[in-house]
Amino acid sequence: MKNFTYISIFLYLMCTACADKELKTIGDTSIVVFEDEHLHFDMAFKENPSTQNDILRLDAGRVLVKKIKVPTYEKQATVTVDMTLTSNGDPWDKSGSLFVIPKTSNLSLIDFETGKFNLDSLKVMYPMVTYYEKDRLQYQPTVELLRFMTPFGVGHFTNDERVKSRKPVYIPKWETNVSWSQNITHLLPLLEDEIYVGVFIDTWTKEGYKLTATLHFDESEIPLHEKKQSTVLPLLNTTKYASGQKLYDEFSRSDLQVEFELPKQATNVRLYYMTTGHGGHATGDEFVQKENIIRLNDTVIKSFIPWRDDCASFRRFNPTSGTWKANEFYDDVDDCEKIASSDLSRSNWCPGSDVAPIRIPLKNISTGKHTVSISIPEAQEAKEGEMNYWMVSAYIVYDHE
């Protein structure tokens, strides 16, 4: 009889605990941030940043920012970002970035572009790259949800008579758009309540691009699957989002260092690192392999050459890519087969590709202050007629005990 009583009490306590842990169910949610939105360059936006359809157009229209409302999940959710893009007349390959502005930052590119804060007052050559704090104002670097590279003229030029002769026999047709999808569940802590999401494309044409970007939240169906408590700590981002920024070629002169601090409850610490090299001339950082070295407290934790040699697989997205006969382009090749600019290998990207971050576990890292250092020893300085720069971003993610 005693055993029966103990079991009953145990089951009662277990049920009570379950009731206490009951989690609110929200369900799956999809949020269309931008829908068939036209992003293009127009100096009228530079003189007067404009808001249309709740979208703020900054940096002469090359940056779109929108405030959205996101559910705050109690149960674990898987987060995916999807983006579809088509040229609206811009025939070139351009760098792009879909990003979120951290809510913990009370300074952002919105303040810089609308004149609320003067970037020149920072008196630094490369503002907005790392953390900044002064007079109760705090800036944290923008966090990328998706980095992408537009292809040459996808969609707009698909049926253009001039590009028919450029189509290789090994592709059935020119594509009408390009789409990317990435799992960004680790960034869920930044995607709650009201947030600013933006997109940047380095276009210089009034035609520009049209794009659709959607966030998908897939809630766990397990009843007590509580959301993992974690923090995203932005470290750096060298992407040029604001008109007052310079393209980042400082790696040619020095390393980029940033300090961060881990609290006692931090576990499962990992560093996310994203890098692409740019410089369109023949020997530029876009086309020459360059080693990236990441150090934590002076210890190398990752050293690699970011490189994509599969760019020919994206040919169907690049109808306006320039082409040459191979024997006219390479000195040591006799073949007269045509090759396209979009076929050429590049520093971690292809025209039409997205760019995934590298995940680096920081095992046995202690609490307290640390320094991350990024080095690209052979990066080239930007010169007149020879543009070289690196788009590098990094952030820390850790769980709470």
Protein backbone atom coordinates (compact mmCIF):
# COMPACT_ATOMS: atom_id res chain seq x y z
CA MET A 1 0.00 0.00 0.00
CA LYS A 2 2.90 2.32 0.83
CA ASN A 3 4.45 1.71 -2.59
CA PHE A 4 1.16 2.58 -4.27
CA THR A 5 1.02 5.84 -2.28
CA TYR A 6 4.60 6.79 -3.23
CA ILE A 7 3.91 6.10 -6.89
CA SER A 8 0.74 8.19 -6.79
CA ILE A 9 2.59 11.10 -5.20
CA PHE A 10 5.39 10.80 -7.78
CA LEU A 11 2.95 10.83 -10.68
CA TYR A 12 1.12 13.81 -9.17
CA LEU A 13 4.35 15.78 -8.88
CA MET A 14 5.34 14.88 -12.43
CA CYS A 15 1.99 16.02 -13.81
CA THR A 16 2.23 19.25 -11.80
CA ALA A 17 5.69 19.88 -13.25
CA CYS A 18 4.34 19.25 -16.75
CA ALA A 19 1.53 21.71 -16.16
CA ASP A 20 4.02 24.32 -14.93
CA LYS A 21 6.05 23.85 -18.12
CA GLU A 22 3.12 24.11 -20.49
CA LEU A 23 4.30 26.14 -23.45
CA LYS A 24 2.28 28.50 -25.56
CA THR A 25 1.74 27.22 -29.08
CA ILE A 26 1.91 29.84 -31.84
CA GLY A 27 2.14 27.63 -34.92
CA ASP A 28 4.15 27.96 -38.09
CA THR A 29 4.53 31.51 -39.39
CA SER A 30 5.77 32.98 -42.67
CA ILE A 31 6.57 36.68 -42.86
CA VAL A 32 7.06 38.28 -46.26
CA VAL A 33 9.52 41.10 -45.57
CA PHE A 34 9.84 42.30 -49.17
CA GLU A 35 7.49 41.24 -51.94
CA ASP A 36 8.52 41.83 -55.57
CA GLU A 37 10.21 44.99 -54.29
CA HIS A 38 12.12 47.21 -56.69
CA LEU A 39 15.59 48.08 -55.39
CA HIS A 40 17.42 50.59 -57.56
CA PHE A 41 19.81 53.52 -57.48
CA ASP A 42 18.32 57.02 -57.57
CA MET A 43 20.10 60.16 -56.35
CA ALA A 44 16.71 61.57 -55.33
CA PHE A 45 16.69 59.06 -52.46
CA LYS A 46 20.15 60.21 -51.39
CA GLU A 47 19.05 63.81 -50.98
CA ASN A 48 15.78 62.79 -49.34
CA PRO A 49 15.55 59.27 -47.87
CA SER A 50 12.03 58.13 -48.72
CA THR A 51 9.51 55.82 -47.06
CA GLN A 52 7.18 53.97 -49.42
CA ASN A 53 4.91 51.09 -48.37
CA ASP A 54 6.59 51.09 -44.93
CA ILE A 55 9.97 50.65 -46.61
CA LEU A 56 12.72 53.18 -45.95
CA ARG A 57 15.02 53.70 -48.95
CA LEU A 58 18.57 54.66 -47.96
CA ASP A 59 21.95 55.21 -49.65
CA ALA A 60 20.33 56.48 -52.86
CA GLY A 61 17.92 53.55 -52.85
CA ARG A 62 20.52 50.78 -52.67
CA VAL A 63 19.40 49.86 -49.13
CA LEU A 64 15.81 49.05 -48.17
CA VAL A 65 14.83 48.79 -44.50
CA LYS A 66 11.49 47.68 -43.09
CA LYS A 67 10.15 47.21 -39.55
CA ILE A 68 8.35 43.91 -39.10
CA LYS A 69 6.55 42.19 -36.23
CA VAL A 70 7.78 38.70 -35.40
CA PRO A 71 6.18 36.21 -32.97
CA THR A 72 8.13 35.44 -29.79
CA TYR A 73 8.16 31.66 -29.59
CA GLU A 74 8.19 29.72 -26.33
CA LYS A 75 8.60 26.41 -28.13
CA GLN A 76 11.62 25.76 -30.33
CA ALA A 77 11.24 26.92 -33.92
CA THR A 78 13.31 26.26 -37.02
CA VAL A 79 13.93 29.45 -38.98
CA THR A 80 14.57 29.59 -42.72
CA VAL A 81 15.15 32.61 -44.93
CA ASP A 82 14.12 32.41 -48.60
CA MET A 83 14.93 35.00 -51.21
CA THR A 84 14.13 35.25 -54.92
CA LEU A 85 15.70 37.84 -57.21
CA THR A 86 15.40 38.96 -60.81
CA SER A 87 17.13 41.72 -62.72
CA ASN A 88 14.95 44.70 -63.59
CA GLY A 89 17.46 45.82 -66.19
CA ASP A 90 20.79 45.83 -64.34
CA PRO A 91 23.00 43.47 -66.39
CA TRP A 92 25.87 43.14 -63.88
CA ASP A 93 26.82 40.87 -60.99
CA LYS A 94 26.55 42.71 -57.68
CA SER A 95 27.13 41.91 -54.02
CA GLY A 96 24.07 41.80 -51.77
CA SER A 97 23.14 41.32 -48.15
CA LEU A 98 19.89 40.65 -46.28
CA PHE A 99 20.37 41.73 -42.68
CA VAL A 100 18.81 42.46 -39.30
CA ILE A 101 19.62 45.43 -37.06
CA PRO A 102 20.22 44.21 -33.48
CA LYS A 103 17.61 45.62 -31.10
CA THR A 104 20.34 46.08 -28.47
CA SER A 105 21.94 48.72 -30.68
CA ASN A 106 20.52 52.22 -30.27
CA LEU A 107 22.57 53.48 -33.22
CA SER A 108 22.12 52.02 -36.69
CA LEU A 109 22.54 52.82 -40.36
CA ILE A 110 19.07 54.39 -40.20
CA ASP A 111 20.47 57.08 -37.89
CA PHE A 112 23.51 57.58 -40.10
CA GLU A 113 21.56 57.82 -43.36
CA THR A 114 18.73 60.04 -42.10
CA GLY A 115 21.11 62.55 -40.53
CA LYS A 116 20.34 61.80 -36.88
CA PHE A 117 24.00 60.91 -36.29
CA ASN A 118 27.01 62.15 -38.22
CA LEU A 119 29.42 59.35 -39.11
CA ASP A 120 32.24 61.86 -39.50
CA SER A 121 32.01 62.59 -35.77
CA LEU A 122 33.41 59.11 -35.09
CA LYS A 123 36.68 60.25 -36.69
CA VAL A 124 37.60 56.77 -37.90
CA MET A 125 38.47 55.67 -41.42
CA TYR A 126 36.09 52.70 -41.40
CA PRO A 127 32.98 53.42 -39.29
CA MET A 128 30.21 50.89 -38.56
CA VAL A 129 32.58 47.92 -38.69
CA THR A 130 32.82 47.05 -34.99
CA TYR A 131 31.18 47.89 -31.66
CA TYR A 132 31.06 51.58 -30.68
CA GLU A 133 29.90 53.22 -27.47
CA LYS A 134 30.03 56.85 -26.37
CA ASP A 135 27.75 59.20 -24.41
CA ARG A 136 25.15 56.45 -23.81
CA LEU A 137 25.02 55.69 -27.51
CA GLN A 138 25.80 52.16 -28.60
CA TYR A 139 26.36 50.75 -32.06
CA GLN A 140 26.48 47.02 -32.75
CA PRO A 141 27.39 45.72 -36.21
CA THR A 142 24.59 44.65 -38.52
CA VAL A 143 24.04 40.87 -38.62
CA GLU A 144 23.61 39.19 -41.99
CA LEU A 145 20.72 36.79 -42.48
CA LEU A 146 21.83 35.99 -46.03
CA ARG A 147 24.71 37.14 -48.20
CA PHE A 148 24.17 36.70 -51.93
CA MET A 149 25.62 37.70 -55.27
CA THR A 150 23.35 38.72 -58.10
CA PRO A 151 23.94 36.97 -61.42
CA PHE A 152 24.40 38.77 -64.73
CA GLY A 153 20.96 39.89 -65.92
CA VAL A 154 18.84 36.97 -64.74
CA GLY A 155 15.17 37.22 -65.77
CA HIS A 156 15.09 40.61 -67.44
CA PHE A 157 17.33 39.52 -70.31
CA THR A 158 16.18 35.90 -70.46
CA ASN A 159 14.28 36.35 -73.74
CA ASP A 160 16.51 39.07 -75.16
CA GLU A 161 17.49 38.35 -78.76
CA ARG A 162 21.05 39.53 -78.10
CA VAL A 163 21.76 36.79 -75.55
CA LYS A 164 20.42 33.83 -77.53
CA SER A 165 23.78 33.21 -79.16
CA ARG A 166 25.50 33.24 -75.77
CA LYS A 167 23.56 30.25 -74.43
CA PRO A 168 25.80 27.20 -74.15
CA VAL A 169 24.44 23.96 -75.56
CA TYR A 170 24.71 22.28 -72.15
CA ILE A 171 21.95 24.41 -70.55
CA PRO A 172 18.34 24.02 -71.76
CA LYS A 173 17.32 27.64 -71.15
CA TRP A 174 18.15 30.89 -69.37
CA GLU A 175 16.48 30.97 -65.96
CA THR A 176 13.84 33.60 -65.14
CA ASN A 177 15.05 34.21 -61.57
CA VAL A 178 17.48 32.99 -58.92
CA SER A 179 16.48 31.76 -55.46
CA TRP A 180 18.36 31.06 -52.24
CA SER A 181 17.38 29.42 -48.96
CA GLN A 182 19.32 29.11 -45.71
CA ASN A 183 18.60 27.74 -42.25
CA ILE A 184 19.19 30.59 -39.77
CA THR A 185 17.74 29.02 -36.62
CA HIS A 186 20.83 30.06 -34.66
CA LEU A 187 19.80 33.71 -35.23
CA LEU A 188 16.36 33.24 -33.65
CA PRO A 189 17.31 35.42 -30.61
CA LEU A 190 17.54 38.40 -33.00
CA LEU A 191 14.21 37.62 -34.66
CA GLU A 192 11.64 38.41 -32.00
CA ASP A 193 9.03 41.15 -31.49
CA GLU A 194 9.56 44.32 -33.60
CA ILE A 195 12.76 44.33 -35.63
CA TYR A 196 14.27 46.15 -38.59
CA VAL A 197 15.19 43.93 -41.52
CA GLY A 198 17.02 45.36 -44.51
CA VAL A 199 18.50 44.44 -47.85
CA PHE A 200 21.46 45.94 -49.70
CA ILE A 201 22.53 45.48 -53.32
CA ASP A 202 25.54 47.33 -54.72
CA THR A 203 23.69 48.54 -57.81
CA TRP A 204 24.41 51.80 -59.60
CA THR A 205 21.55 51.70 -62.11
CA LYS A 206 18.01 53.08 -62.05
CA GLU A 207 16.78 49.73 -63.36
CA GLY A 208 18.18 47.70 -60.47
CA TYR A 209 16.53 44.49 -59.28
CA LYS A 210 13.26 43.07 -58.00
CA LEU A 211 13.31 40.79 -55.00
CA THR A 212 11.16 38.87 -52.55
CA ALA A 213 12.43 37.89 -49.10
CA THR A 214 10.53 35.70 -46.63
CA LEU A 215 11.19 34.42 -43.11
CA HIS A 216 9.68 31.03 -42.23
CA PHE A 217 9.23 29.91 -38.61
CA ASP A 218 8.47 26.20 -38.25
CA GLU A 219 7.39 25.53 -34.67
CA SER A 220 8.25 22.19 -33.08
CA GLU A 221 5.31 19.79 -32.72
CA ILE A 222 6.77 18.23 -29.58
CA PRO A 223 4.55 19.45 -26.68
CA LEU A 224 7.33 20.37 -24.21
CA HIS A 225 10.07 21.27 -26.69
CA GLU A 226 11.12 24.47 -24.96
CA LYS A 227 13.04 27.04 -26.99
CA LYS A 228 16.78 26.95 -26.44
CA GLN A 229 17.90 30.06 -24.58
CA SER A 230 20.81 31.61 -26.46
CA THR A 231 22.44 34.91 -27.30
CA VAL A 232 23.85 36.34 -30.53
CA LEU A 233 26.77 38.68 -30.00
CA PRO A 234 27.63 40.76 -33.14
CA LEU A 235 31.39 41.20 -33.58
CA LEU A 236 32.10 42.87 -36.92
CA ASN A 237 30.79 43.53 -40.41
CA THR A 238 32.86 45.30 -43.09
CA THR A 239 30.02 45.47 -45.66
CA LYS A 240 29.36 48.99 -46.91
CA TYR A 241 25.74 49.68 -45.94
CA ALA A 242 25.85 53.47 -45.51
CA SER A 243 26.89 56.18 -47.95
CA GLY A 244 29.46 57.48 -45.45
CA GLN A 245 31.33 54.17 -45.40
CA LYS A 246 34.35 53.18 -47.48
CA LEU A 247 34.90 49.83 -49.12
CA TYR A 248 37.04 47.89 -46.65
CA ASP A 249 40.60 47.41 -47.88
CA GLU A 250 42.25 47.77 -44.45
CA PHE A 251 43.23 44.09 -44.43
CA SER A 252 46.02 45.09 -46.81
CA ARG A 253 47.55 47.13 -43.96
CA SER A 254 46.52 45.53 -40.67
CA ASP A 255 44.44 42.87 -38.94
CA LEU A 256 40.93 43.56 -37.72
CA GLN A 257 40.56 42.95 -33.98
CA VAL A 258 37.50 43.05 -31.77
CA GLU A 259 36.99 42.25 -28.09
CA PHE A 260 34.02 40.47 -26.56
CA GLU A 261 33.07 39.16 -23.15
CA LEU A 262 31.42 35.88 -22.20
CA PRO A 263 29.23 35.61 -19.09
CA LYS A 264 29.52 32.70 -16.66
CA GLN A 265 26.40 30.95 -17.94
CA ALA A 266 27.65 30.76 -21.56
CA THR A 267 27.88 27.26 -23.04
CA ASN A 268 28.22 25.76 -26.52
CA VAL A 269 30.03 28.86 -27.78
CA ARG A 270 30.60 29.09 -31.53
CA LEU A 271 31.87 31.69 -33.96
CA TYR A 272 30.14 32.27 -37.31
CA TYR A 273 32.38 33.76 -40.00
CA MET A 274 31.46 34.92 -43.50
CA THR A 275 33.94 36.24 -46.08
CA THR A 276 34.07 37.21 -49.76
CA GLY A 277 36.82 38.97 -51.70
CA HIS A 278 36.12 41.59 -54.35
CA GLY A 279 38.02 43.51 -57.03
CA GLY A 280 36.97 43.00 -60.61
CA HIS A 281 40.28 43.57 -62.38
CA ALA A 282 42.24 40.53 -63.58
CA THR A 283 44.58 40.31 -60.58
CA GLY A 284 42.10 41.64 -58.02
CA ASP A 285 41.20 40.02 -54.71
CA GLU A 286 38.10 38.66 -56.42
CA PHE A 287 40.11 36.43 -58.75
CA VAL A 288 43.23 35.61 -56.71
CA GLN A 289 43.28 33.15 -53.82
CA LYS A 290 43.91 34.82 -50.45
CA GLU A 291 44.31 33.09 -47.10
CA ASN A 292 41.99 34.12 -44.25
CA ILE A 293 43.37 33.59 -40.73
CA ILE A 294 41.15 33.75 -37.63
CA ARG A 295 42.73 33.97 -34.19
CA LEU A 296 41.21 33.77 -30.74
CA ASN A 297 43.48 35.38 -28.12
CA ASP A 298 46.49 35.07 -30.49
CA THR A 299 45.83 31.38 -31.17
CA VAL A 300 44.91 30.41 -34.74
CA ILE A 301 41.51 28.67 -34.71
CA LYS A 302 40.90 28.64 -38.46
CA SER A 303 43.09 29.22 -41.51
CA PHE A 304 41.74 28.66 -45.01
CA ILE A 305 41.50 30.03 -48.54
CA PRO A 306 37.89 30.99 -49.33
CA TRP A 307 37.37 29.95 -52.93
CA ARG A 308 34.62 28.81 -55.32
CA ASP A 309 35.70 26.83 -58.40
CA ASP A 310 32.21 25.65 -59.39
CA CYS A 311 30.95 28.91 -60.90
CA ALA A 312 30.30 27.37 -64.33
CA SER A 313 27.39 25.50 -62.71
CA PHE A 314 25.58 28.87 -62.37
CA ARG A 315 25.81 29.66 -66.10
CA ARG A 316 22.03 29.34 -66.66
CA PHE A 317 21.46 32.38 -64.39
CA ASN A 318 23.90 34.63 -66.27
CA PRO A 319 22.60 35.56 -69.74
CA THR A 320 24.49 38.89 -69.96
CA SER A 321 27.85 37.57 -68.77
CA GLY A 322 30.68 38.52 -71.12
CA THR A 323 32.23 35.65 -73.08
CA TRP A 324 35.58 34.99 -74.72
CA LYS A 325 37.22 32.19 -76.64
CA ALA A 326 39.33 30.19 -74.22
CA ASN A 327 42.48 30.54 -76.34
CA GLU A 328 42.05 34.33 -76.29
CA PHE A 329 41.67 34.41 -72.52
CA TYR A 330 44.27 31.86 -71.37
CA ASP A 331 47.81 31.96 -72.79
CA ASP A 332 48.39 28.23 -72.35
CA VAL A 333 45.08 26.96 -73.83
CA ASP A 334 44.52 26.07 -77.50
CA ASP A 335 40.79 25.35 -77.18
CA CYS A 336 38.52 27.95 -78.84
CA GLU A 337 35.47 26.98 -76.73
CA LYS A 338 33.73 30.00 -75.26
CA ILE A 339 34.03 30.73 -71.55
CA ALA A 340 31.99 33.31 -69.64
CA SER A 341 32.99 35.76 -66.94
CA SER A 342 30.45 34.06 -64.68
CA ASP A 343 32.36 30.76 -65.11
CA LEU A 344 35.54 32.08 -63.51
CA SER A 345 36.50 30.99 -59.99
CA ARG A 346 36.23 33.64 -57.29
CA SER A 347 36.97 34.40 -53.65
CA ASN A 348 34.17 32.40 -52.01
CA TRP A 349 31.35 33.38 -54.38
CA CYS A 350 29.94 32.96 -57.86
CA PRO A 351 27.56 35.25 -59.78
CA GLY A 352 24.21 33.85 -58.65
CA SER A 353 25.36 32.10 -55.46
CA ASP A 354 24.61 32.68 -51.81
CA VAL A 355 27.39 32.62 -49.22
CA ALA A 356 27.07 30.40 -46.16
CA PRO A 357 28.84 31.30 -42.90
CA ILE A 358 31.53 29.01 -41.51
CA ARG A 359 30.72 27.66 -38.03
CA ILE A 360 33.71 27.38 -35.70
CA PRO A 361 33.10 25.76 -32.26
CA LEU A 362 35.03 27.54 -29.48
CA LYS A 363 35.56 24.59 -27.19
CA ASN A 364 36.83 25.07 -23.63
CA ILE A 365 36.62 28.85 -23.91
CA SER A 366 36.56 30.52 -20.51
CA THR A 367 34.31 33.25 -19.20
CA GLY A 368 35.52 36.83 -19.34
CA LYS A 369 37.13 38.95 -22.05
CA HIS A 370 38.54 37.62 -25.32
CA THR A 371 39.87 38.98 -28.60
CA VAL A 372 39.06 37.79 -32.11
CA SER A 373 41.52 38.82 -34.82
CA ILE A 374 40.96 38.53 -38.59
CA SER A 375 43.95 38.56 -40.92
CA ILE A 376 44.15 38.45 -44.73
CA PRO A 377 47.91 38.93 -45.15
CA GLU A 378 47.98 39.13 -48.95
CA ALA A 379 44.92 41.36 -49.36
CA GLN A 380 45.55 44.20 -51.79
CA GLU A 381 45.05 47.89 -51.28
CA ALA A 382 42.41 49.66 -53.33
CA LYS A 383 43.94 51.86 -56.01
CA GLU A 384 42.60 54.02 -58.78
CA GLY A 385 41.28 51.67 -61.43
CA GLU A 386 41.97 48.62 -59.21
CA MET A 387 39.27 48.24 -56.58
CA ASN A 388 40.05 45.63 -53.90
CA TYR A 389 38.05 45.04 -50.73
CA TRP A 390 36.73 42.28 -48.46
CA MET A 391 33.23 41.81 -47.10
CA VAL A 392 33.76 40.01 -43.80
CA SER A 393 31.25 39.56 -40.99
CA ALA A 394 31.37 37.57 -37.76
CA TYR A 395 29.29 36.98 -34.66
CA ILE A 396 29.31 34.79 -31.57
CA VAL A 397 26.40 32.54 -30.57
CA TYR A 398 26.24 30.90 -27.15
CA ASP A 399 23.63 29.01 -25.14
CA HIS A 400 22.61 29.67 -21.54
CA GLU A 401 22.92 27.04 -18.84
